[in-house]
Amino acid sequence: MRQLPVLLLLCAALAGHAAADDFMVRISLDQATRQVLGSGNHRVLGAQTIMIEGREVHVIKVLTPDGRVRYFRIDAETGAFLG
């Protein structure tokens, strides 16, 4: 019976650690912009964070080497490029 409180404390500590890890995955607008710049020879024209369907999305507006304007959408929580 003595082990139950210790086990509960350990579970609570692990749950707090998992929540901290989830927070660390999040990427900033600056990090998202650098991610886009690393994916090609682009010139950034603008960047903002907006809500799309309840999720934060970084939208990076770039000028491509061939003169086209392109928008990259990056999930602020995961850092994944969105289609």
N, C-alpha and C. Protein backbone atom coordinates (compact mmCIF):
# COMPACT_ATOMS: atom_id res chain seq x y z
N MET A 1 0.81 -1.19 0.00
CA MET A 1 0.00 0.00 0.00
C MET A 1 0.86 1.26 0.00
N ARG A 2 2.05 1.20 0.57
CA ARG A 2 2.94 2.36 0.62
C ARG A 2 3.40 2.77 -0.78
N GLN A 3 3.44 1.84 -1.69
CA GLN A 3 3.94 2.12 -3.03
C GLN A 3 2.94 2.92 -3.86
N LEU A 4 1.68 2.88 -3.51
CA LEU A 4 0.67 3.58 -4.29
C LEU A 4 0.90 5.10 -4.33
N PRO A 5 1.15 5.79 -3.20
CA PRO A 5 1.43 7.23 -3.29
C PRO A 5 2.67 7.55 -4.13
N VAL A 6 3.70 6.71 -4.02
CA VAL A 6 4.91 6.92 -4.79
C VAL A 6 4.61 6.75 -6.28
N LEU A 7 3.83 5.74 -6.61
CA LEU A 7 3.44 5.50 -8.00
C LEU A 7 2.61 6.66 -8.55
N LEU A 8 1.71 7.19 -7.75
CA LEU A 8 0.89 8.32 -8.18
C LEU A 8 1.74 9.56 -8.42
N LEU A 9 2.71 9.80 -7.55
CA LEU A 9 3.61 10.94 -7.73
C LEU A 9 4.45 10.77 -9.00
N LEU A 10 4.91 9.58 -9.25
CA LEU A 10 5.69 9.31 -10.46
C LEU A 10 4.84 9.55 -11.71
N CYS A 11 3.61 9.08 -11.70
CA CYS A 11 2.71 9.29 -12.84
C CYS A 11 2.45 10.78 -13.07
N ALA A 12 2.26 11.52 -12.01
CA ALA A 12 2.02 12.97 -12.12
C ALA A 12 3.25 13.67 -12.68
N ALA A 13 4.42 13.25 -12.25
CA ALA A 13 5.66 13.86 -12.75
C ALA A 13 5.83 13.56 -14.24
N LEU A 14 5.55 12.34 -14.64
CA LEU A 14 5.68 11.98 -16.05
C LEU A 14 4.66 12.72 -16.92
N ALA A 15 3.46 12.90 -16.41
CA ALA A 15 2.43 13.64 -17.16
C ALA A 15 2.86 15.10 -17.34
N GLY A 16 3.44 15.70 -16.32
CA GLY A 16 3.94 17.06 -16.43
C GLY A 16 5.08 17.16 -17.42
N HIS A 17 5.92 16.15 -17.44
CA HIS A 17 7.04 16.12 -18.39
C HIS A 17 6.53 16.02 -19.82
N ALA A 18 5.51 15.20 -20.05
CA ALA A 18 4.93 15.06 -21.39
C ALA A 18 4.33 16.38 -21.85
N ALA A 19 3.67 17.10 -20.96
CA ALA A 19 3.09 18.40 -21.32
C ALA A 19 4.19 19.39 -21.68
N ALA A 20 5.29 19.35 -20.97
CA ALA A 20 6.41 20.25 -21.28
C ALA A 20 7.01 19.91 -22.64
N ASP A 21 7.08 18.61 -22.97
CA ASP A 21 7.59 18.20 -24.28
C ASP A 21 6.68 18.70 -25.39
N ASP A 22 5.36 18.63 -25.19
CA ASP A 22 4.42 19.12 -26.19
C ASP A 22 4.63 20.60 -26.44
N PHE A 23 4.91 21.35 -25.38
CA PHE A 23 5.13 22.78 -25.52
C PHE A 23 6.40 23.06 -26.32
N MET A 24 7.42 22.25 -26.14
CA MET A 24 8.70 22.46 -26.78
C MET A 24 8.64 22.23 -28.29
N VAL A 25 7.68 21.45 -28.77
CA VAL A 25 7.57 21.14 -30.19
C VAL A 25 7.16 22.38 -30.97
N ARG A 26 6.40 23.23 -30.38
CA ARG A 26 5.87 24.44 -31.00
C ARG A 26 6.99 25.28 -31.63
N ILE A 27 6.74 25.80 -32.83
CA ILE A 27 7.76 26.63 -33.48
C ILE A 27 7.25 28.06 -33.61
N SER A 28 8.17 28.99 -33.54
CA SER A 28 7.83 30.41 -33.63
C SER A 28 7.69 30.82 -35.09
N LEU A 29 7.18 32.01 -35.31
CA LEU A 29 7.06 32.56 -36.66
C LEU A 29 8.44 32.72 -37.27
N ASP A 30 9.41 33.13 -36.48
CA ASP A 30 10.78 33.28 -36.97
C ASP A 30 11.36 31.94 -37.40
N GLN A 31 11.14 30.90 -36.61
CA GLN A 31 11.63 29.57 -36.96
C GLN A 31 10.96 29.07 -38.24
N ALA A 32 9.66 29.32 -38.38
CA ALA A 32 8.94 28.90 -39.58
C ALA A 32 9.48 29.63 -40.81
N THR A 33 9.80 30.91 -40.65
CA THR A 33 10.35 31.69 -41.76
C THR A 33 11.70 31.14 -42.17
N ARG A 34 12.54 30.81 -41.20
CA ARG A 34 13.85 30.22 -41.51
C ARG A 34 13.70 28.86 -42.18
N GLN A 35 12.68 28.11 -41.78
CA GLN A 35 12.41 26.81 -42.39
C GLN A 35 12.08 26.99 -43.87
N VAL A 36 11.27 27.98 -44.20
CA VAL A 36 10.92 28.26 -45.59
C VAL A 36 12.15 28.71 -46.37
N LEU A 37 12.95 29.58 -45.77
CA LEU A 37 14.15 30.06 -46.45
C LEU A 37 15.12 28.91 -46.73
N GLY A 38 15.14 27.93 -45.86
CA GLY A 38 16.02 26.78 -46.05
C GLY A 38 15.53 25.82 -47.12
N SER A 39 14.27 25.94 -47.53
CA SER A 39 13.71 25.02 -48.52
C SER A 39 13.94 25.48 -49.95
N GLY A 40 14.56 26.62 -50.15
CA GLY A 40 14.82 27.10 -51.50
C GLY A 40 15.36 28.51 -51.48
N ASN A 41 15.63 29.04 -52.66
CA ASN A 41 16.18 30.39 -52.80
C ASN A 41 15.02 31.38 -52.89
N HIS A 42 14.39 31.65 -51.76
CA HIS A 42 13.22 32.52 -51.71
C HIS A 42 13.56 33.83 -51.03
N ARG A 43 12.79 34.85 -51.38
CA ARG A 43 12.89 36.14 -50.70
C ARG A 43 11.57 36.34 -49.94
N VAL A 44 11.65 36.51 -48.63
CA VAL A 44 10.44 36.65 -47.82
C VAL A 44 9.85 38.03 -48.01
N LEU A 45 8.56 38.07 -48.34
CA LEU A 45 7.84 39.33 -48.52
C LEU A 45 6.99 39.67 -47.30
N GLY A 46 6.64 38.67 -46.52
CA GLY A 46 5.82 38.89 -45.33
C GLY A 46 5.60 37.60 -44.59
N ALA A 47 5.24 37.73 -43.31
CA ALA A 47 4.97 36.55 -42.49
C ALA A 47 4.00 36.94 -41.39
N GLN A 48 3.05 36.05 -41.12
CA GLN A 48 2.09 36.29 -40.05
C GLN A 48 1.56 34.96 -39.53
N THR A 49 1.02 34.99 -38.33
CA THR A 49 0.40 33.82 -37.74
C THR A 49 -1.11 34.06 -37.69
N ILE A 50 -1.87 33.11 -38.23
CA ILE A 50 -3.33 33.23 -38.25
C ILE A 50 -3.95 31.95 -37.71
N MET A 51 -5.23 32.02 -37.41
CA MET A 51 -5.99 30.84 -36.97
C MET A 51 -6.74 30.27 -38.18
N ILE A 52 -6.55 29.00 -38.44
CA ILE A 52 -7.29 28.30 -39.49
C ILE A 52 -7.89 27.05 -38.86
N GLU A 53 -9.21 26.99 -38.86
CA GLU A 53 -9.94 25.86 -38.28
C GLU A 53 -9.49 25.55 -36.86
N GLY A 54 -9.29 26.60 -36.07
CA GLY A 54 -8.94 26.45 -34.67
C GLY A 54 -7.47 26.15 -34.39
N ARG A 55 -6.63 26.19 -35.41
CA ARG A 55 -5.21 25.92 -35.22
C ARG A 55 -4.39 27.13 -35.65
N GLU A 56 -3.28 27.36 -34.95
CA GLU A 56 -2.38 28.43 -35.34
C GLU A 56 -1.54 27.97 -36.53
N VAL A 57 -1.51 28.82 -37.55
CA VAL A 57 -0.76 28.51 -38.77
C VAL A 57 0.10 29.72 -39.11
N HIS A 58 1.38 29.46 -39.36
CA HIS A 58 2.28 30.52 -39.82
C HIS A 58 2.17 30.58 -41.34
N VAL A 59 1.88 31.76 -41.88
CA VAL A 59 1.79 31.94 -43.32
C VAL A 59 2.95 32.82 -43.75
N ILE A 60 3.79 32.27 -44.62
CA ILE A 60 4.98 32.97 -45.08
C ILE A 60 4.80 33.28 -46.57
N LYS A 61 4.84 34.56 -46.93
CA LYS A 61 4.70 34.99 -48.32
C LYS A 61 6.11 35.21 -48.87
N VAL A 62 6.42 34.53 -49.99
CA VAL A 62 7.77 34.62 -50.56
C VAL A 62 7.71 34.95 -52.05
N LEU A 63 8.82 35.46 -52.54
CA LEU A 63 9.04 35.67 -53.96
C LEU A 63 10.02 34.59 -54.40
N THR A 64 9.61 33.77 -55.37
CA THR A 64 10.47 32.69 -55.86
C THR A 64 11.50 33.24 -56.83
N PRO A 65 12.55 32.47 -57.11
CA PRO A 65 13.59 32.94 -58.04
C PRO A 65 13.06 33.27 -59.44
N ASP A 66 11.95 32.62 -59.83
CA ASP A 66 11.39 32.90 -61.15
C ASP A 66 10.35 34.03 -61.13
N GLY A 67 10.26 34.75 -60.01
CA GLY A 67 9.42 35.94 -59.93
C GLY A 67 7.98 35.71 -59.49
N ARG A 68 7.63 34.50 -59.10
CA ARG A 68 6.26 34.22 -58.64
C ARG A 68 6.13 34.46 -57.14
N VAL A 69 4.95 34.86 -56.72
CA VAL A 69 4.64 35.00 -55.29
C VAL A 69 4.01 33.68 -54.85
N ARG A 70 4.52 33.17 -53.74
CA ARG A 70 4.03 31.88 -53.23
C ARG A 70 3.80 32.00 -51.73
N TYR A 71 2.81 31.28 -51.23
CA TYR A 71 2.50 31.27 -49.80
C TYR A 71 2.80 29.88 -49.24
N PHE A 72 3.56 29.84 -48.15
CA PHE A 72 3.81 28.60 -47.43
C PHE A 72 3.01 28.67 -46.14
N ARG A 73 2.32 27.58 -45.82
CA ARG A 73 1.59 27.49 -44.55
C ARG A 73 2.26 26.41 -43.71
N ILE A 74 2.60 26.78 -42.48
CA ILE A 74 3.29 25.87 -41.57
C ILE A 74 2.51 25.77 -40.27
N ASP A 75 2.22 24.56 -39.86
CA ASP A 75 1.52 24.31 -38.61
C ASP A 75 2.41 24.79 -37.45
N ALA A 76 1.92 25.73 -36.66
CA ALA A 76 2.71 26.30 -35.55
C ALA A 76 2.98 25.28 -34.46
N GLU A 77 2.15 24.27 -34.37
CA GLU A 77 2.29 23.29 -33.30
C GLU A 77 3.31 22.21 -33.66
N THR A 78 3.34 21.79 -34.93
CA THR A 78 4.20 20.69 -35.32
C THR A 78 5.37 21.08 -36.20
N GLY A 79 5.26 22.24 -36.88
CA GLY A 79 6.30 22.64 -37.80
C GLY A 79 6.16 22.04 -39.18
N ALA A 80 5.07 21.30 -39.40
CA ALA A 80 4.86 20.63 -40.68
C ALA A 80 4.33 21.60 -41.72
N PHE A 81 4.80 21.44 -42.96
CA PHE A 81 4.26 22.21 -44.08
C PHE A 81 2.85 21.71 -44.35
N LEU A 82 1.93 22.63 -44.56
CA LEU A 82 0.54 22.28 -44.86
C LEU A 82 0.28 22.49 -46.34
N GLY A 83 -0.55 21.66 -46.91
CA GLY A 83 -0.84 21.73 -48.35
C GLY A 83 -1.68 22.90 -48.75
